[in-house]
Amino acid sequence: MLSSDRKIKAEIKLLASEVSGFKAQITGQEEKLKALANELQGFARSEDVDVIRKYLNLIEPLGFVTQAEVERVVRQVVDAALEEQEAAK
């Protein structure tokens, strides 16, 4: 009876240490989940992304010209006007 009592007490200690380890793991996971939830609060919601998408489609930024393109077109127009002036002389 004493030996079975010792075995049971040893098993209880082992189980208690395993439970303690599991509790520590769960606590670590909870902290990670809280950190992840805090990170997710900083992300844009799908509604926000949809609003941005609608504005971009409305503005069409790819239709804008760059400064270099404007300078090139202005040079072409000025050069053409100068050629016409010289041809008219």
PDB file of N, CA and C in Angstrom:
ATOM      1  N   MET A   1       0.826  -1.191   0.000  1.00  0.00           N
ATOM      2  CA  MET A   1       0.000   0.000   0.000  1.00  0.00           C
ATOM      3  C   MET A   1       0.870   1.255   0.000  1.00  0.00           C
ATOM      4  N   LEU A   2       1.952   1.221   0.760  1.00  0.00           N
ATOM      5  CA  LEU A   2       2.854   2.376   0.791  1.00  0.00           C
ATOM      6  C   LEU A   2       3.522   2.600  -0.561  1.00  0.00           C
ATOM      7  N   SER A   3       3.901   1.515  -1.220  1.00  0.00           N
ATOM      8  CA  SER A   3       4.557   1.668  -2.520  1.00  0.00           C
ATOM      9  C   SER A   3       3.582   2.222  -3.554  1.00  0.00           C
ATOM     10  N   SER A   4       2.341   1.768  -3.520  1.00  0.00           N
ATOM     11  CA  SER A   4       1.355   2.309  -4.466  1.00  0.00           C
ATOM     12  C   SER A   4       1.059   3.770  -4.136  1.00  0.00           C
ATOM     13  N   ASP A   5       1.077   4.106  -2.856  1.00  0.00           N
ATOM     14  CA  ASP A   5       0.872   5.495  -2.445  1.00  0.00           C
ATOM     15  C   ASP A   5       2.013   6.365  -2.970  1.00  0.00           C
ATOM     16  N   ARG A   6       3.238   5.867  -2.884  1.00  0.00           N
ATOM     17  CA  ARG A   6       4.397   6.608  -3.397  1.00  0.00           C
ATOM     18  C   ARG A   6       4.305   6.781  -4.918  1.00  0.00           C
ATOM     19  N   LYS A   7       3.899   5.722  -5.604  1.00  0.00           N
ATOM     20  CA  LYS A   7       3.761   5.797  -7.056  1.00  0.00           C
ATOM     21  C   LYS A   7       2.701   6.831  -7.436  1.00  0.00           C
ATOM     22  N   ILE A   8       1.609   6.820  -6.731  1.00  0.00           N
ATOM     23  CA  ILE A   8       0.528   7.773  -7.008  1.00  0.00           C
ATOM     24  C   ILE A   8       0.990   9.196  -6.752  1.00  0.00           C
ATOM     25  N   LYS A   9       1.716   9.409  -5.638  1.00  0.00           N
ATOM     26  CA  LYS A   9       2.223  10.742  -5.326  1.00  0.00           C
ATOM     27  C   LYS A   9       3.217  11.208  -6.392  1.00  0.00           C
ATOM     28  N   ALA A  10       4.065  10.276  -6.893  1.00  0.00           N
ATOM     29  CA  ALA A  10       5.031  10.616  -7.937  1.00  0.00           C
ATOM     30  C   ALA A  10       4.304  10.985  -9.228  1.00  0.00           C
ATOM     31  N   GLU A  11       3.272  10.229  -9.559  1.00  0.00           N
ATOM     32  CA  GLU A  11       2.482  10.520 -10.760  1.00  0.00           C
ATOM     33  C   GLU A  11       1.764  11.866 -10.620  1.00  0.00           C
ATOM     34  N   ILE A  12       1.269  12.147  -9.427  1.00  0.00           N
ATOM     35  CA  ILE A  12       0.596  13.435  -9.187  1.00  0.00           C
ATOM     36  C   ILE A  12       1.582  14.582  -9.357  1.00  0.00           C
ATOM     37  N   LYS A  13       2.809  14.416  -8.842  1.00  0.00           N
ATOM     38  CA  LYS A  13       3.829  15.451  -9.011  1.00  0.00           C
ATOM     39  C   LYS A  13       4.158  15.655 -10.484  1.00  0.00           C
ATOM     40  N   LEU A  14       4.290  14.535 -11.206  1.00  0.00           N
ATOM     41  CA  LEU A  14       4.585  14.615 -12.637  1.00  0.00           C
ATOM     42  C   LEU A  14       3.463  15.327 -13.380  1.00  0.00           C
ATOM     43  N   LEU A  15       2.241  14.941 -13.075  1.00  0.00           N
ATOM     44  CA  LEU A  15       1.087  15.590 -13.711  1.00  0.00           C
ATOM     45  C   LEU A  15       1.006  17.073 -13.341  1.00  0.00           C
ATOM     46  N   ALA A  16       1.319  17.387 -12.090  1.00  0.00           N
ATOM     47  CA  ALA A  16       1.286  18.784 -11.656  1.00  0.00           C
ATOM     48  C   ALA A  16       2.331  19.607 -12.416  1.00  0.00           C
ATOM     49  N   SER A  17       3.513  19.026 -12.620  1.00  0.00           N
ATOM     50  CA  SER A  17       4.545  19.763 -13.361  1.00  0.00           C
ATOM     51  C   SER A  17       4.148  19.923 -14.829  1.00  0.00           C
ATOM     52  N   GLU A  18       3.512  18.907 -15.409  1.00  0.00           N
ATOM     53  CA  GLU A  18       3.041  19.014 -16.791  1.00  0.00           C
ATOM     54  C   GLU A  18       1.960  20.074 -16.906  1.00  0.00           C
ATOM     55  N   VAL A  19       1.033  20.096 -15.951  1.00  0.00           N
ATOM     56  CA  VAL A  19      -0.028  21.102 -15.949  1.00  0.00           C
ATOM     57  C   VAL A  19       0.573  22.495 -15.822  1.00  0.00           C
ATOM     58  N   SER A  20       1.581  22.613 -14.972  1.00  0.00           N
ATOM     59  CA  SER A  20       2.259  23.896 -14.806  1.00  0.00           C
ATOM     60  C   SER A  20       2.903  24.334 -16.119  1.00  0.00           C
ATOM     61  N   GLY A  21       3.523  23.401 -16.820  1.00  0.00           N
ATOM     62  CA  GLY A  21       4.122  23.699 -18.132  1.00  0.00           C
ATOM     63  C   GLY A  21       3.070  24.128 -19.136  1.00  0.00           C
ATOM     64  N   PHE A  22       1.930  23.434 -19.130  1.00  0.00           N
ATOM     65  CA  PHE A  22       0.841  23.793 -20.045  1.00  0.00           C
ATOM     66  C   PHE A  22       0.308  25.186 -19.741  1.00  0.00           C
ATOM     67  N   LYS A  23       0.200  25.498 -18.439  1.00  0.00           N
ATOM     68  CA  LYS A  23      -0.268  26.833 -18.051  1.00  0.00           C
ATOM     69  C   LYS A  23       0.682  27.908 -18.562  1.00  0.00           C
ATOM     70  N   ALA A  24       1.980  27.645 -18.460  1.00  0.00           N
ATOM     71  CA  ALA A  24       2.971  28.608 -18.947  1.00  0.00           C
ATOM     72  C   ALA A  24       2.851  28.777 -20.458  1.00  0.00           C
ATOM     73  N   GLN A  25       2.648  27.677 -21.176  1.00  0.00           N
ATOM     74  CA  GLN A  25       2.485  27.756 -22.631  1.00  0.00           C
ATOM     75  C   GLN A  25       1.230  28.528 -22.992  1.00  0.00           C
ATOM     76  N   ILE A  26       0.148  28.277 -22.286  1.00  0.00           N
ATOM     77  CA  ILE A  26      -1.108  28.976 -22.554  1.00  0.00           C
ATOM     78  C   ILE A  26      -0.946  30.469 -22.290  1.00  0.00           C
ATOM     79  N   THR A  27      -0.248  30.810 -21.201  1.00  0.00           N
ATOM     80  CA  THR A  27      -0.005  32.212 -20.891  1.00  0.00           C
ATOM     81  C   THR A  27       0.803  32.877 -22.003  1.00  0.00           C
ATOM     82  N   GLY A  28       1.817  32.178 -22.496  1.00  0.00           N
ATOM     83  CA  GLY A  28       2.624  32.708 -23.608  1.00  0.00           C
ATOM     84  C   GLY A  28       1.789  32.911 -24.856  1.00  0.00           C
ATOM     85  N   GLN A  29       0.907  31.951 -25.143  1.00  0.00           N
ATOM     86  CA  GLN A  29       0.039  32.068 -26.313  1.00  0.00           C
ATOM     87  C   GLN A  29      -0.944  33.228 -26.161  1.00  0.00           C
ATOM     88  N   GLU A  30      -1.459  33.408 -24.961  1.00  0.00           N
ATOM     89  CA  GLU A  30      -2.386  34.520 -24.705  1.00  0.00           C
ATOM     90  C   GLU A  30      -1.693  35.855 -24.954  1.00  0.00           C
ATOM     91  N   GLU A  31      -0.439  35.972 -24.493  1.00  0.00           N
ATOM     92  CA  GLU A  31       0.304  37.210 -24.709  1.00  0.00           C
ATOM     93  C   GLU A  31       0.532  37.464 -26.198  1.00  0.00           C
ATOM     94  N   LYS A  32       0.860  36.400 -26.920  1.00  0.00           N
ATOM     95  CA  LYS A  32       1.058  36.536 -28.365  1.00  0.00           C
ATOM     96  C   LYS A  32      -0.238  36.937 -29.056  1.00  0.00           C
ATOM     97  N   LEU A  33      -1.353  36.356 -28.650  1.00  0.00           N
ATOM     98  CA  LEU A  33      -2.641  36.707 -29.244  1.00  0.00           C
ATOM     99  C   LEU A  33      -3.016  38.160 -28.952  1.00  0.00           C
ATOM    100  N   LYS A  34      -2.732  38.623 -27.736  1.00  0.00           N
ATOM    101  CA  LYS A  34      -3.007  40.020 -27.388  1.00  0.00           C
ATOM    102  C   LYS A  34      -2.161  40.956 -28.237  1.00  0.00           C
ATOM    103  N   ALA A  35      -0.881  40.610 -28.417  1.00  0.00           N
ATOM    104  CA  ALA A  35       0.002  41.426 -29.253  1.00  0.00           C
ATOM    105  C   ALA A  35      -0.490  41.435 -30.693  1.00  0.00           C
ATOM    106  N   LEU A  36      -0.934  40.291 -31.182  1.00  0.00           N
ATOM    107  CA  LEU A  36      -1.459  40.203 -32.542  1.00  0.00           C
ATOM    108  C   LEU A  36      -2.733  41.027 -32.681  1.00  0.00           C
ATOM    109  N   ALA A  37      -3.587  40.973 -31.694  1.00  0.00           N
ATOM    110  CA  ALA A  37      -4.825  41.766 -31.732  1.00  0.00           C
ATOM    111  C   ALA A  37      -4.503  43.254 -31.741  1.00  0.00           C
ATOM    112  N   ASN A  38      -3.514  43.666 -30.967  1.00  0.00           N
ATOM    113  CA  ASN A  38      -3.110  45.071 -30.977  1.00  0.00           C
ATOM    114  C   ASN A  38      -2.556  45.477 -32.339  1.00  0.00           C
ATOM    115  N   GLU A  39      -1.789  44.592 -32.970  1.00  0.00           N
ATOM    116  CA  GLU A  39      -1.264  44.867 -34.307  1.00  0.00           C
ATOM    117  C   GLU A  39      -2.398  44.983 -35.320  1.00  0.00           C
ATOM    118  N   LEU A  40      -3.369  44.096 -35.214  1.00  0.00           N
ATOM    119  CA  LEU A  40      -4.470  44.096 -36.176  1.00  0.00           C
ATOM    120  C   LEU A  40      -5.310  45.364 -36.088  1.00  0.00           C
ATOM    121  N   GLN A  41      -5.342  45.992 -34.917  1.00  0.00           N
ATOM    122  CA  GLN A  41      -6.105  47.231 -34.786  1.00  0.00           C
ATOM    123  C   GLN A  41      -5.510  48.340 -35.638  1.00  0.00           C
ATOM    124  N   GLY A  42      -4.216  48.258 -35.917  1.00  0.00           N
ATOM    125  CA  GLY A  42      -3.564  49.271 -36.738  1.00  0.00           C
ATOM    126  C   GLY A  42      -3.761  49.058 -38.229  1.00  0.00           C
ATOM    127  N   PHE A  43      -4.245  47.907 -38.634  1.00  0.00           N
ATOM    128  CA  PHE A  43      -4.446  47.622 -40.049  1.00  0.00           C
ATOM    129  C   PHE A  43      -5.732  48.256 -40.556  1.00  0.00           C
ATOM    130  N   ALA A  44      -5.770  48.499 -41.849  1.00  0.00           N
ATOM    131  CA  ALA A  44      -6.966  49.059 -42.465  1.00  0.00           C
ATOM    132  C   ALA A  44      -8.022  47.961 -42.603  1.00  0.00           C
ATOM    133  N   ARG A  45      -9.251  48.348 -42.358  1.00  0.00           N
ATOM    134  CA  ARG A  45     -10.357  47.400 -42.542  1.00  0.00           C
ATOM    135  C   ARG A  45     -10.673  47.319 -44.029  1.00  0.00           C
ATOM    136  N   SER A  46     -11.404  46.305 -44.415  1.00  0.00           N
ATOM    137  CA  SER A  46     -11.725  46.131 -45.836  1.00  0.00           C
ATOM    138  C   SER A  46     -12.563  47.298 -46.346  1.00  0.00           C
ATOM    139  N   GLU A  47     -13.392  47.893 -45.485  1.00  0.00           N
ATOM    140  CA  GLU A  47     -14.184  49.051 -45.906  1.00  0.00           C
ATOM    141  C   GLU A  47     -13.272  50.231 -46.221  1.00  0.00           C
ATOM    142  N   ASP A  48     -12.230  50.413 -45.410  1.00  0.00           N
ATOM    143  CA  ASP A  48     -11.275  51.492 -45.649  1.00  0.00           C
ATOM    144  C   ASP A  48     -10.560  51.292 -46.986  1.00  0.00           C
ATOM    145  N   VAL A  49     -10.172  50.062 -47.248  1.00  0.00           N
ATOM    146  CA  VAL A  49      -9.487  49.754 -48.502  1.00  0.00           C
ATOM    147  C   VAL A  49     -10.424  49.987 -49.682  1.00  0.00           C
ATOM    148  N   ASP A  50     -11.688  49.640 -49.537  1.00  0.00           N
ATOM    149  CA  ASP A  50     -12.657  49.866 -50.608  1.00  0.00           C
ATOM    150  C   ASP A  50     -12.817  51.353 -50.894  1.00  0.00           C
ATOM    151  N   VAL A  51     -12.842  52.181 -49.849  1.00  0.00           N
ATOM    152  CA  VAL A  51     -12.964  53.629 -50.042  1.00  0.00           C
ATOM    153  C   VAL A  51     -11.738  54.158 -50.791  1.00  0.00           C
ATOM    154  N   ILE A  52     -10.555  53.709 -50.389  1.00  0.00           N
ATOM    155  CA  ILE A  52      -9.327  54.146 -51.067  1.00  0.00           C
ATOM    156  C   ILE A  52      -9.341  53.702 -52.519  1.00  0.00           C
ATOM    157  N   ARG A  53      -9.782  52.470 -52.763  1.00  0.00           N
ATOM    158  CA  ARG A  53      -9.859  51.955 -54.133  1.00  0.00           C
ATOM    159  C   ARG A  53     -10.800  52.806 -54.980  1.00  0.00           C
ATOM    160  N   LYS A  54     -11.944  53.190 -54.415  1.00  0.00           N
ATOM    161  CA  LYS A  54     -12.898  54.023 -55.161  1.00  0.00           C
ATOM    162  C   LYS A  54     -12.296  55.380 -55.499  1.00  0.00           C
ATOM    163  N   TYR A  55     -11.594  55.996 -54.528  1.00  0.00           N
ATOM    164  CA  TYR A  55     -10.951  57.285 -54.802  1.00  0.00           C
ATOM    165  C   TYR A  55      -9.878  57.155 -55.870  1.00  0.00           C
ATOM    166  N   LEU A  56      -9.093  56.086 -55.816  1.00  0.00           N
ATOM    167  CA  LEU A  56      -8.056  55.900 -56.828  1.00  0.00           C
ATOM    168  C   LEU A  56      -8.662  55.694 -58.208  1.00  0.00           C
ATOM    169  N   ASN A  57      -9.759  54.954 -58.269  1.00  0.00           N
ATOM    170  CA  ASN A  57     -10.429  54.772 -59.560  1.00  0.00           C
ATOM    171  C   ASN A  57     -11.013  56.081 -60.066  1.00  0.00           C
ATOM    172  N   LEU A  58     -11.475  56.910 -59.152  1.00  0.00           N
ATOM    173  CA  LEU A  58     -12.038  58.201 -59.529  1.00  0.00           C
ATOM    174  C   LEU A  58     -10.953  59.149 -60.033  1.00  0.00           C
ATOM    175  N   ILE A  59      -9.833  59.186 -59.339  1.00  0.00           N
ATOM    176  CA  ILE A  59      -8.748  60.111 -59.688  1.00  0.00           C
ATOM    177  C   ILE A  59      -7.929  59.600 -60.867  1.00  0.00           C
ATOM    178  N   GLU A  60      -7.754  58.306 -60.989  1.00  0.00           N
ATOM    179  CA  GLU A  60      -6.927  57.669 -62.008  1.00  0.00           C
ATOM    180  C   GLU A  60      -5.526  58.272 -62.057  1.00  0.00           C
ATOM    181  N   PRO A  61      -4.721  58.028 -61.066  1.00  0.00           N
ATOM    182  CA  PRO A  61      -3.387  58.628 -61.018  1.00  0.00           C
ATOM    183  C   PRO A  61      -2.480  58.191 -62.166  1.00  0.00           C
ATOM    184  N   LEU A  62      -2.761  57.056 -62.774  1.00  0.00           N
ATOM    185  CA  LEU A  62      -1.937  56.612 -63.896  1.00  0.00           C
ATOM    186  C   LEU A  62      -2.179  57.469 -65.136  1.00  0.00           C
ATOM    187  N   GLY A  63      -3.266  58.243 -65.138  1.00  0.00           N
ATOM    188  CA  GLY A  63      -3.550  59.121 -66.263  1.00  0.00           C
ATOM    189  C   GLY A  63      -2.801  60.442 -66.185  1.00  0.00           C
ATOM    190  N   PHE A  64      -2.189  60.722 -65.047  1.00  0.00           N
ATOM    191  CA  PHE A  64      -1.431  61.955 -64.895  1.00  0.00           C
ATOM    192  C   PHE A  64      -0.116  61.852 -65.663  1.00  0.00           C
ATOM    193  N   VAL A  65       0.411  62.998 -66.039  1.00  0.00           N
ATOM    194  CA  VAL A  65       1.696  63.022 -66.718  1.00  0.00           C
ATOM    195  C   VAL A  65       2.779  63.394 -65.717  1.00  0.00           C
ATOM    196  N   THR A  66       3.977  62.973 -66.013  1.00  0.00           N
ATOM    197  CA  THR A  66       5.097  63.332 -65.156  1.00  0.00           C
ATOM    198  C   THR A  66       5.662  64.670 -65.595  1.00  0.00           C
ATOM    199  N   GLN A  67       6.477  65.246 -64.758  1.00  0.00           N
ATOM    200  CA  GLN A  67       7.094  66.531 -65.082  1.00  0.00           C
ATOM    201  C   GLN A  67       7.968  66.386 -66.321  1.00  0.00           C
ATOM    202  N   ALA A  68       8.662  65.291 -66.452  1.00  0.00           N
ATOM    203  CA  ALA A  68       9.527  65.055 -67.614  1.00  0.00           C
ATOM    204  C   ALA A  68       8.700  64.987 -68.899  1.00  0.00           C
ATOM    205  N   GLU A  69       7.524  64.360 -68.826  1.00  0.00           N
ATOM    206  CA  GLU A  69       6.669  64.285 -70.011  1.00  0.00           C
ATOM    207  C   GLU A  69       6.174  65.659 -70.417  1.00  0.00           C
ATOM    208  N   VAL A  70       5.792  66.476 -69.434  1.00  0.00           N
ATOM    209  CA  VAL A  70       5.322  67.834 -69.734  1.00  0.00           C
ATOM    210  C   VAL A  70       6.448  68.646 -70.353  1.00  0.00           C
ATOM    211  N   GLU A  71       7.653  68.548 -69.797  1.00  0.00           N
ATOM    212  CA  GLU A  71       8.789  69.281 -70.345  1.00  0.00           C
ATOM    213  C   GLU A  71       9.079  68.847 -71.779  1.00  0.00           C
ATOM    214  N   ARG A  72       8.967  67.557 -72.055  1.00  0.00           N
ATOM    215  CA  ARG A  72       9.211  67.047 -73.412  1.00  0.00           C
ATOM    216  C   ARG A  72       8.186  67.600 -74.388  1.00  0.00           C
ATOM    217  N   VAL A  73       6.928  67.604 -73.995  1.00  0.00           N
ATOM    218  CA  VAL A  73       5.863  68.110 -74.875  1.00  0.00           C
ATOM    219  C   VAL A  73       6.032  69.611 -75.098  1.00  0.00           C
ATOM    220  N   VAL A  74       6.356  70.354 -74.036  1.00  0.00           N
ATOM    221  CA  VAL A  74       6.548  71.797 -74.180  1.00  0.00           C
ATOM    222  C   VAL A  74       7.729  72.072 -75.098  1.00  0.00           C
ATOM    223  N   ARG A  75       8.818  71.316 -74.977  1.00  0.00           N
ATOM    224  CA  ARG A  75       9.973  71.494 -75.867  1.00  0.00           C
ATOM    225  C   ARG A  75       9.582  71.242 -77.316  1.00  0.00           C
ATOM    226  N   GLN A  76       8.794  70.196 -77.533  1.00  0.00           N
ATOM    227  CA  GLN A  76       8.366  69.893 -78.899  1.00  0.00           C
ATOM    228  C   GLN A  76       7.538  71.027 -79.469  1.00  0.00           C
ATOM    229  N   VAL A  77       6.619  71.565 -78.674  1.00  0.00           N
ATOM    230  CA  VAL A  77       5.760  72.654 -79.150  1.00  0.00           C
ATOM    231  C   VAL A  77       6.596  73.900 -79.415  1.00  0.00           C
ATOM    232  N   VAL A  78       7.500  74.223 -78.504  1.00  0.00           N
ATOM    233  CA  VAL A  78       8.354  75.411 -78.692  1.00  0.00           C
ATOM    234  C   VAL A  78       9.250  75.230 -79.903  1.00  0.00           C
ATOM    235  N   ASP A  79       9.850  74.057 -80.064  1.00  0.00           N
ATOM    236  CA  ASP A  79      10.703  73.799 -81.224  1.00  0.00           C
ATOM    237  C   ASP A  79       9.910  73.907 -82.525  1.00  0.00           C
ATOM    238  N   ALA A  80       8.688  73.372 -82.529  1.00  0.00           N
ATOM    239  CA  ALA A  80       7.846  73.456 -83.723  1.00  0.00           C
ATOM    240  C   ALA A  80       7.499  74.914 -84.027  1.00  0.00           C
ATOM    241  N   ALA A  81       7.203  75.690 -82.992  1.00  0.00           N
ATOM    242  CA  ALA A  81       6.872  77.107 -83.205  1.00  0.00           C
ATOM    243  C   ALA A  81       8.089  77.860 -83.714  1.00  0.00           C
ATOM    244  N   LEU A  82       9.271  77.572 -83.188  1.00  0.00           N
ATOM    245  CA  LEU A  82      10.490  78.231 -83.661  1.00  0.00           C
ATOM    246  C   LEU A  82      10.789  77.865 -85.113  1.00  0.00           C
ATOM    247  N   GLU A  83      10.584  76.603 -85.478  1.00  0.00           N
ATOM    248  CA  GLU A  83      10.802  76.183 -86.853  1.00  0.00           C
ATOM    249  C   GLU A  83       9.837  76.899 -87.801  1.00  0.00           C
ATOM    250  N   GLU A  84       8.597  77.060 -87.368  1.00  0.00           N
ATOM    251  CA  GLU A  84       7.615  77.776 -88.193  1.00  0.00           C
ATOM    252  C   GLU A  84       8.008  79.237 -88.369  1.00  0.00           C
ATOM    253  N   GLN A  85       8.511  79.855 -87.296  1.00  0.00           N
ATOM    254  CA  GLN A  85       8.950  81.254 -87.379  1.00  0.00           C
ATOM    255  C   GLN A  85      10.114  81.393 -88.330  1.00  0.00           C
ATOM    256  N   GLU A  86      11.065  80.476 -88.254  1.00  0.00           N
ATOM    257  CA  GLU A  86      12.233  80.562 -89.119  1.00  0.00           C
ATOM    258  C   GLU A  86      11.852  80.255 -90.570  1.00  0.00           C
ATOM    259  N   ALA A  87      10.910  79.355 -90.756  1.00  0.00           N
ATOM    260  CA  ALA A  87      10.461  79.033 -92.111  1.00  0.00           C
ATOM    261  C   ALA A  87       9.678  80.206 -92.705  1.00  0.00           C
ATOM    262  N   ALA A  88       9.007  80.971 -91.878  1.00  0.00           N
ATOM    263  CA  ALA A  88       8.229  82.124 -92.361  1.00  0.00           C
ATOM    264  C   ALA A  88       9.140  83.286 -92.720  1.00  0.00           C
ATOM    265  N   LYS A  89      10.370  83.310 -92.231  1.00  0.00           N
ATOM    266  CA  LYS A  89      11.295  84.425 -92.528  1.00  0.00           C
ATOM    267  C   LYS A  89      11.804  84.291 -93.883  1.00  0.00           C
TER     268      LYS A  89
END
